[in-house]
Every structure is written in structure tokens, then in C-alpha cells.
Amino acid sequence: MSAAAVFTVVLLALLTTGCGSGDAAADTRPLVVTSVPIIYSLTANVVGDAVRLENLLPPGSSPHQVSFKPGQARLLHDADILIVNGAGLEPWVEDLVAASGNTGIVVVVASKGLEFLRPDEPTPIPGSASDHAEEPENVDPHVWLDPANARRMVDTIAAALAAADPAGASGYRERATAYDARLVALEADIRAALQGVPNRRFISFHSAFQYYARAFGLEQAAVIEEFPGKEPSPQYLAALVRLVKESGVTAVFSEPQFSPRPAEALARETGATVYEVDPEGAVLAASLYEDLMRADTATFVVALGGGS
């Protein structure tokens, strides 16, 4: 049996196990499900109390290594709308939707139409015009780390919700407009905080902060993770050591979702300092996006020599 077939059989078993709570069954509001906490945060600021909002993957879990529990699978079976990031962040979405048997679900790809960056290639790639969550392929999916992208994602989410729920359209638009004003202020605050840092280059754990760097005039000089999901080879680490010593980069970033050992090894060899930044967040809350961006920026400011 193929891996896809096994996935389908397991998921269908999950969907038919148990039943929803009485409270959920009595709630007649539309059920909107998001894929990951960042998308939950952006969506929560648009929907208010107009819908039941749930999230599939718990904070801190990797969207690339998915293990669904029965309750998570049933959410998708019952959902009216599924909102995903797209750009390859959730490669399991189409199989999951097909296996759920929910033929009426509306799938919203929040990153639709954005310009994408490939890992370590700063040339923008035009965004897909379709609602295919996997397109385009082989791009950096962390588009939300540029607040300008997050604002466009909020617009996409609000427009899709308004189309699916015309009765609540004005409310979605009003909340999206209010949230947009906060995101404009967030972007201005980050720009001001980073404006005076003496160093602009850094080493990232993996290609997550390219959009952030492009937005705020920084440079991701290299990444520690040579291939996604695998620790770097000794040869690759040796090349990184040479790059750090020759370029004078002093800031190396680790991420809480991954082992800090490669970053610490690089720091030991070069005298650089390791700082932890989080591209995804670990709290399921409406404030997650703003809190995450401000916390990461505070770390960047210190790491790049702008404060203590």
C-alpha cells in the first residue's frame, strides 16, 4: 500500500472515531479552521466572534512533520472554511481535504498572489494566481515575516470570508481595516528599531528570515541548515566557518523548533554569538503575530549591535 493510501486509511479511521462535543454541535456559527498558529493569529483579528475559529496544528509543531489526532482530523471534516498559508508550508493539505470527505469546504490560500523568494535566492518570484496550496514549488514559505505581506494576507483572508459569508461581510472588512492600521504601525516600529544597527548581516538557522531581511535592509549571509530537516555536513560547516571569519558576521541565529547544536558549534569555531529567534510562534492567540515580530526584532537589534 502506498504512503498516500496509508495516510487516507488512517485519516478516515480518525474521522469516524468519536464525536464532537455538545457545545460544538449547538454552535451554529460557521466553523473556520486554520492550518498553523500564524494563520490563526491573522484570521482571528478578522473574524472576531463571528465564527468558531480552530487551528489544526498545535503551537511548536512542525508543519512538515505532521501527526494528526482524531480531534484535529474531525475539525476538517466539519469545517466550512480552511485557511492555509500555502507556498508549500502545508504539503499535506490536499490529501487531508480529499480524505476528509468534506466536498463543500472552502480552501483559502492566504499567500495567494504574493512574490516569493527561493531559499538563498533574493530574486522575487511572481505569486500563483490559483488557490493551489502547493504552488509555486521550492520557495521560502515564511512570507508573513514581512509585515507588508502579512497585510496582503489579511486582505485575502477578509475577502474570502466576506465572499463565503455575505451576511458578515461588513464586519470582516471593518475588523481587517482596524488590524491593518496596527500592522502599519508594527512595520514602522520595526523599521525604526533596526535603522541604526551597525551590523546588517547575519547567519540564519534556515531560510526563514529572507523576507524580514529584504523588508528591513538586512542581509541573510548564509544558513546553517544545508538541506531542510538535516543537520549540516562537516564540510558545509567548515565552509560556514570560513565565511563567518572572512565576512566578520557576529550574529548566528537558532530557532526553538530545531536543535541548537549546529549553531552552537559554529559559534564555538568562530567566536560568534548565538541568539534565538522564532519565525512561527508558540502561542495560539490573536496577538501572536504582533508579539512574535516585536520579540524577534528586539533580538535582532541586540544581535546586530544596536543595544543590550
Protein backbone atom coordinates (compact mmCIF):
# COMPACT_ATOMS: atom_id res chain seq x y z
CA MET A 1 0.00 0.00 0.00
CA SER A 2 1.38 3.43 -0.95
CA ALA A 3 2.16 6.12 1.62
CA ALA A 4 -0.73 8.20 0.29
CA ALA A 5 -3.12 5.28 0.65
CA VAL A 6 -1.97 4.62 4.20
CA PHE A 7 -2.46 8.31 5.01
CA THR A 8 -6.03 8.15 3.64
CA VAL A 9 -6.96 4.97 5.54
CA VAL A 10 -5.59 6.30 8.82
CA LEU A 11 -7.28 9.65 8.39
CA LEU A 12 -10.67 8.10 7.58
CA ALA A 13 -10.36 5.96 10.70
CA LEU A 14 -9.69 9.09 12.72
CA LEU A 15 -12.67 10.88 11.21
CA THR A 16 -15.06 8.10 12.14
CA THR A 17 -13.77 7.80 15.72
CA GLY A 18 -15.72 9.61 18.41
CA CYS A 19 -17.99 12.60 18.03
CA GLY A 20 -17.97 16.34 18.63
CA SER A 21 -18.85 17.94 21.92
CA GLY A 22 -22.38 19.06 22.68
CA ASP A 23 -21.29 22.69 22.83
CA ALA A 24 -19.74 22.50 19.35
CA ALA A 25 -22.83 20.81 17.92
CA ALA A 26 -25.06 23.55 19.35
CA ASP A 27 -22.92 26.38 17.93
CA THR A 28 -24.41 27.36 14.58
CA ARG A 29 -21.69 29.84 13.62
CA PRO A 30 -19.52 28.89 10.62
CA LEU A 31 -16.52 26.76 11.56
CA VAL A 32 -13.27 28.26 10.24
CA VAL A 33 -10.13 26.16 10.62
CA THR A 34 -6.60 27.47 10.14
CA SER A 35 -3.55 25.37 9.44
CA VAL A 36 -0.84 26.89 11.66
CA PRO A 37 -0.73 29.39 14.55
CA ILE A 38 0.46 32.35 12.43
CA ILE A 39 -2.52 31.98 10.11
CA TYR A 40 -4.77 31.57 13.16
CA SER A 41 -3.48 34.88 14.52
CA LEU A 42 -4.04 36.80 11.27
CA THR A 43 -7.50 35.26 10.89
CA ALA A 44 -8.56 35.84 14.50
CA ASN A 45 -8.16 39.58 14.02
CA VAL A 46 -10.55 39.47 11.07
CA VAL A 47 -13.29 37.13 12.31
CA GLY A 48 -13.81 38.41 15.86
CA ASP A 49 -16.65 36.38 17.38
CA ALA A 50 -18.48 35.90 14.08
CA VAL A 51 -17.23 32.33 13.60
CA ARG A 52 -15.92 29.36 15.52
CA LEU A 53 -12.18 29.54 14.92
CA GLU A 54 -9.99 26.47 15.42
CA ASN A 55 -6.43 25.57 14.41
CA LEU A 56 -5.14 22.24 13.12
CA LEU A 57 -1.52 22.09 14.25
CA PRO A 58 -0.60 22.92 17.84
CA PRO A 59 1.97 25.67 18.52
CA GLY A 60 5.53 24.44 18.33
CA SER A 61 4.79 21.54 15.96
CA SER A 62 6.36 21.41 12.53
CA PRO A 63 4.01 21.60 9.53
CA HIS A 64 6.50 19.36 7.70
CA GLN A 65 6.23 16.51 10.22
CA VAL A 66 2.51 16.05 10.77
CA SER A 67 0.81 13.55 13.05
CA PHE A 68 -2.91 14.23 13.30
CA LYS A 69 -5.00 13.31 16.32
CA PRO A 70 -8.67 12.32 15.93
CA GLY A 71 -9.98 15.68 17.15
CA GLN A 72 -7.82 17.58 14.65
CA ALA A 73 -8.97 15.41 11.76
CA ARG A 74 -12.64 15.79 12.69
CA LEU A 75 -12.24 19.57 12.67
CA LEU A 76 -11.54 19.50 8.96
CA HIS A 77 -14.40 17.10 8.34
CA ASP A 78 -16.80 19.61 9.92
CA ALA A 79 -15.20 22.84 8.72
CA ASP A 80 -16.84 25.37 6.43
CA ILE A 81 -13.58 27.16 5.58
CA LEU A 82 -9.93 26.09 5.78
CA ILE A 83 -7.33 28.86 5.68
CA VAL A 84 -3.73 27.89 4.92
CA ASN A 85 -0.51 29.75 4.29
CA GLY A 86 0.31 27.93 1.05
CA ALA A 87 3.67 28.21 -0.77
CA GLY A 88 4.47 24.63 0.24
CA LEU A 89 4.26 25.16 4.02
CA GLU A 90 1.47 22.58 4.36
CA PRO A 91 2.16 19.88 1.73
CA TRP A 92 -0.45 17.60 3.31
CA VAL A 93 -3.44 19.91 2.75
CA GLU A 94 -4.83 18.47 -0.45
CA ASP A 95 -4.62 14.85 0.74
CA LEU A 96 -6.18 15.85 4.05
CA VAL A 97 -9.08 17.67 2.40
CA ALA A 98 -9.70 14.82 -0.05
CA ALA A 99 -9.61 12.19 2.68
CA SER A 100 -11.95 14.16 4.94
CA GLY A 101 -14.83 13.71 2.52
CA ASN A 102 -15.81 17.36 3.06
CA THR A 103 -16.62 18.31 -0.53
CA GLY A 104 -18.15 21.66 0.45
CA ILE A 105 -15.16 23.09 2.28
CA VAL A 106 -13.75 26.40 1.01
CA VAL A 107 -9.93 26.42 0.98
CA VAL A 108 -8.32 29.86 1.25
CA VAL A 109 -4.62 30.26 0.42
CA ALA A 110 -3.53 33.35 2.34
CA SER A 111 -0.29 33.82 0.38
CA LYS A 112 -2.07 33.84 -2.98
CA GLY A 113 -0.61 36.45 -5.32
CA LEU A 114 2.47 37.34 -3.24
CA GLU A 115 6.01 37.48 -4.59
CA PHE A 116 8.04 34.57 -3.24
CA LEU A 117 11.73 34.03 -2.62
CA ARG A 118 13.55 30.79 -3.15
CA PRO A 119 15.89 29.73 -0.32
CA ASP A 120 19.08 31.79 -0.62
CA GLU A 121 17.92 33.44 -3.85
CA PRO A 122 16.78 37.05 -3.27
CA THR A 123 15.15 37.45 -6.68
CA PRO A 124 11.34 37.63 -6.27
CA ILE A 125 9.16 35.01 -7.94
CA PRO A 126 5.65 36.06 -9.04
CA GLY A 127 2.94 34.56 -6.87
CA SER A 128 0.48 31.97 -8.07
CA ALA A 129 -2.92 33.20 -9.22
CA SER A 130 -4.59 29.93 -8.25
CA ASP A 131 -5.93 28.59 -4.98
CA HIS A 132 -3.50 25.64 -5.07
CA ALA A 133 -1.85 25.45 -1.66
CA GLU A 134 1.30 23.84 -3.08
CA GLU A 135 2.18 26.43 -5.75
CA PRO A 136 4.74 27.66 -6.56
CA GLU A 137 7.21 24.91 -5.66
CA ASN A 138 10.51 25.16 -3.79
CA VAL A 139 10.01 28.61 -2.32
CA ASP A 140 10.56 30.03 1.15
CA PRO A 141 7.06 29.92 2.70
CA HIS A 142 7.77 32.32 5.60
CA VAL A 143 6.16 35.24 3.76
CA TRP A 144 4.49 36.66 6.89
CA LEU A 145 7.85 37.83 8.27
CA ASP A 146 7.48 40.86 6.01
CA PRO A 147 4.60 42.88 7.52
CA ALA A 148 3.67 44.15 4.06
CA ASN A 149 3.00 40.54 3.07
CA ALA A 150 1.03 39.95 6.27
CA ARG A 151 -1.18 42.91 5.40
CA ARG A 152 -1.94 41.45 1.97
CA MET A 153 -2.63 38.07 3.54
CA VAL A 154 -5.15 39.71 5.87
CA ASP A 155 -6.82 41.31 2.86
CA THR A 156 -7.04 37.92 1.15
CA ILE A 157 -8.49 36.29 4.26
CA ALA A 158 -11.06 39.06 4.77
CA ALA A 159 -12.16 38.98 1.13
CA ALA A 160 -12.59 35.20 1.19
CA LEU A 161 -14.59 35.30 4.41
CA ALA A 162 -16.81 38.08 3.09
CA ALA A 163 -17.49 36.08 -0.08
CA ALA A 164 -18.30 32.91 1.88
CA ASP A 165 -20.42 34.72 4.50
CA PRO A 166 -22.08 37.77 2.86
CA ALA A 167 -24.14 38.48 5.97
CA GLY A 168 -20.98 39.11 7.96
CA ALA A 169 -19.02 40.81 5.16
CA SER A 170 -19.07 44.32 6.60
CA GLY A 171 -17.81 43.08 9.96
CA TYR A 172 -14.91 41.18 8.38
CA ARG A 173 -13.90 44.24 6.37
CA GLU A 174 -14.12 46.60 9.35
CA ARG A 175 -12.02 44.36 11.56
CA ALA A 176 -9.48 43.83 8.76
CA THR A 177 -9.16 47.60 8.32
CA ALA A 178 -8.58 48.14 12.03
CA TYR A 179 -6.00 45.34 12.12
CA ASP A 180 -4.27 46.76 9.04
CA ALA A 181 -3.68 50.02 10.90
CA ARG A 182 -1.93 48.07 13.68
CA LEU A 183 0.23 46.24 11.15
CA VAL A 184 1.24 49.55 9.54
CA ALA A 185 2.32 50.78 12.97
CA LEU A 186 4.13 47.49 13.61
CA GLU A 187 6.12 47.82 10.39
CA ALA A 188 7.07 51.42 11.22
CA ASP A 189 8.21 50.42 14.72
CA ILE A 190 10.39 47.59 13.38
CA ARG A 191 11.95 49.84 10.74
CA ALA A 192 12.76 52.48 13.35
CA ALA A 193 14.25 49.90 15.74
CA LEU A 194 16.56 48.44 13.07
CA GLN A 195 17.51 51.67 11.38
CA GLY A 196 20.59 52.37 13.49
CA VAL A 197 22.05 48.88 13.97
CA PRO A 198 25.74 48.91 13.00
CA ASN A 199 25.75 45.39 11.54
CA ARG A 200 23.37 44.29 8.80
CA ARG A 201 24.48 40.70 8.09
CA PHE A 202 23.59 37.53 9.98
CA ILE A 203 23.63 33.74 9.72
CA SER A 204 20.18 32.14 10.00
CA PHE A 205 19.42 28.56 11.01
CA HIS A 206 17.45 28.03 7.80
CA SER A 207 15.97 30.26 5.14
CA ALA A 208 13.18 31.70 7.23
CA PHE A 209 14.16 35.35 7.58
CA GLN A 210 14.77 36.31 3.95
CA TYR A 211 11.51 38.25 3.74
CA TYR A 212 12.29 40.02 7.01
CA ALA A 213 15.80 40.87 5.83
CA ARG A 214 14.59 42.21 2.48
CA ALA A 215 11.89 44.31 4.13
CA PHE A 216 14.23 45.98 6.63
CA GLY A 217 17.52 46.29 4.78
CA LEU A 218 19.34 43.35 6.37
CA GLU A 219 21.27 40.52 4.73
CA GLN A 220 20.98 36.81 5.42
CA ALA A 221 24.61 35.93 4.62
CA ALA A 222 24.13 32.17 4.84
CA VAL A 223 22.09 29.43 6.51
CA ILE A 224 23.25 26.71 8.89
CA GLU A 225 20.88 24.01 7.68
CA GLU A 226 22.30 22.88 4.34
CA PHE A 227 19.24 20.77 3.50
CA PRO A 228 15.82 21.15 5.18
CA GLY A 229 15.40 18.78 8.11
CA LYS A 230 19.03 17.55 8.13
CA GLU A 231 21.97 18.65 10.23
CA PRO A 232 24.74 20.21 8.11
CA SER A 233 27.63 18.09 6.94
CA PRO A 234 31.12 18.68 8.40
CA GLN A 235 32.21 20.02 5.01
CA TYR A 236 29.38 22.51 4.89
CA LEU A 237 30.05 23.65 8.47
CA ALA A 238 33.72 24.14 7.60
CA ALA A 239 32.72 26.38 4.70
CA LEU A 240 30.43 28.33 7.03
CA VAL A 241 33.27 28.80 9.50
CA ARG A 242 35.42 30.28 6.74
CA LEU A 243 32.59 32.56 5.61
CA VAL A 244 31.94 33.87 9.12
CA LYS A 245 35.63 34.53 9.79
CA GLU A 246 36.17 36.24 6.43
CA SER A 247 32.98 38.33 6.49
CA GLY A 248 33.06 39.35 10.12
CA VAL A 249 29.49 38.21 10.80
CA THR A 250 28.99 38.03 14.57
CA ALA A 251 25.30 37.03 14.87
CA VAL A 252 24.17 33.44 14.43
CA PHE A 253 20.50 32.60 14.88
CA SER A 254 18.96 29.37 16.14
CA GLU A 255 15.25 28.54 16.22
CA PRO A 256 13.27 26.89 19.02
CA GLN A 257 11.78 24.30 16.66
CA PHE A 258 15.22 22.81 15.95
CA SER A 259 18.30 21.63 17.83
CA PRO A 260 20.69 24.49 18.66
CA ARG A 261 23.75 22.23 18.34
CA PRO A 262 24.81 23.25 14.80
CA ALA A 263 24.54 26.95 15.66
CA GLU A 264 26.48 26.43 18.88
CA ALA A 265 29.19 24.50 17.02
CA LEU A 266 29.54 27.31 14.51
CA ALA A 267 29.75 29.87 17.30
CA ARG A 268 32.48 27.91 19.09
CA GLU A 269 34.59 27.80 15.94
CA THR A 270 34.20 31.47 15.05
CA GLY A 271 33.60 33.41 18.24
CA ALA A 272 30.18 34.47 17.02
CA THR A 273 27.23 34.64 19.42
CA VAL A 274 24.09 32.53 19.11
CA TYR A 275 20.70 34.22 19.50
CA GLU A 276 17.32 32.52 19.30
CA VAL A 277 14.61 33.88 17.02
CA ASP A 278 11.28 32.26 16.23
CA PRO A 279 9.71 32.50 12.76
CA GLU A 280 6.48 30.73 13.73
CA GLY A 281 5.50 31.36 17.34
CA ALA A 282 4.45 29.08 20.17
CA VAL A 283 1.18 30.57 21.47
CA LEU A 284 -2.24 30.23 19.87
CA ALA A 285 -3.58 33.77 20.25
CA ALA A 286 -4.84 36.69 18.18
CA SER A 287 -1.83 38.73 19.35
CA LEU A 288 0.71 36.08 18.26
CA TYR A 289 1.83 37.77 15.03
CA GLU A 290 2.45 41.20 16.53
CA ASP A 291 4.06 39.77 19.67
CA LEU A 292 6.31 37.48 17.63
CA MET A 293 7.50 40.21 15.28
CA ARG A 294 8.28 42.58 18.14
CA ALA A 295 10.12 39.90 20.13
CA ASP A 296 12.20 38.79 17.14
CA THR A 297 13.02 42.40 16.31
CA ALA A 298 14.24 43.05 19.84
CA THR A 299 16.59 40.07 19.45
CA PHE A 300 17.79 41.26 16.04
CA VAL A 301 18.56 44.71 17.45
CA VAL A 302 20.75 43.25 20.19
CA ALA A 303 22.38 40.67 17.90
CA LEU A 304 23.29 43.27 15.29
CA GLY A 305 24.87 45.59 17.80
CA GLY A 306 22.05 48.04 18.34
CA GLY A 307 21.55 47.61 22.07
CA SER A 308 21.89 45.33 25.08
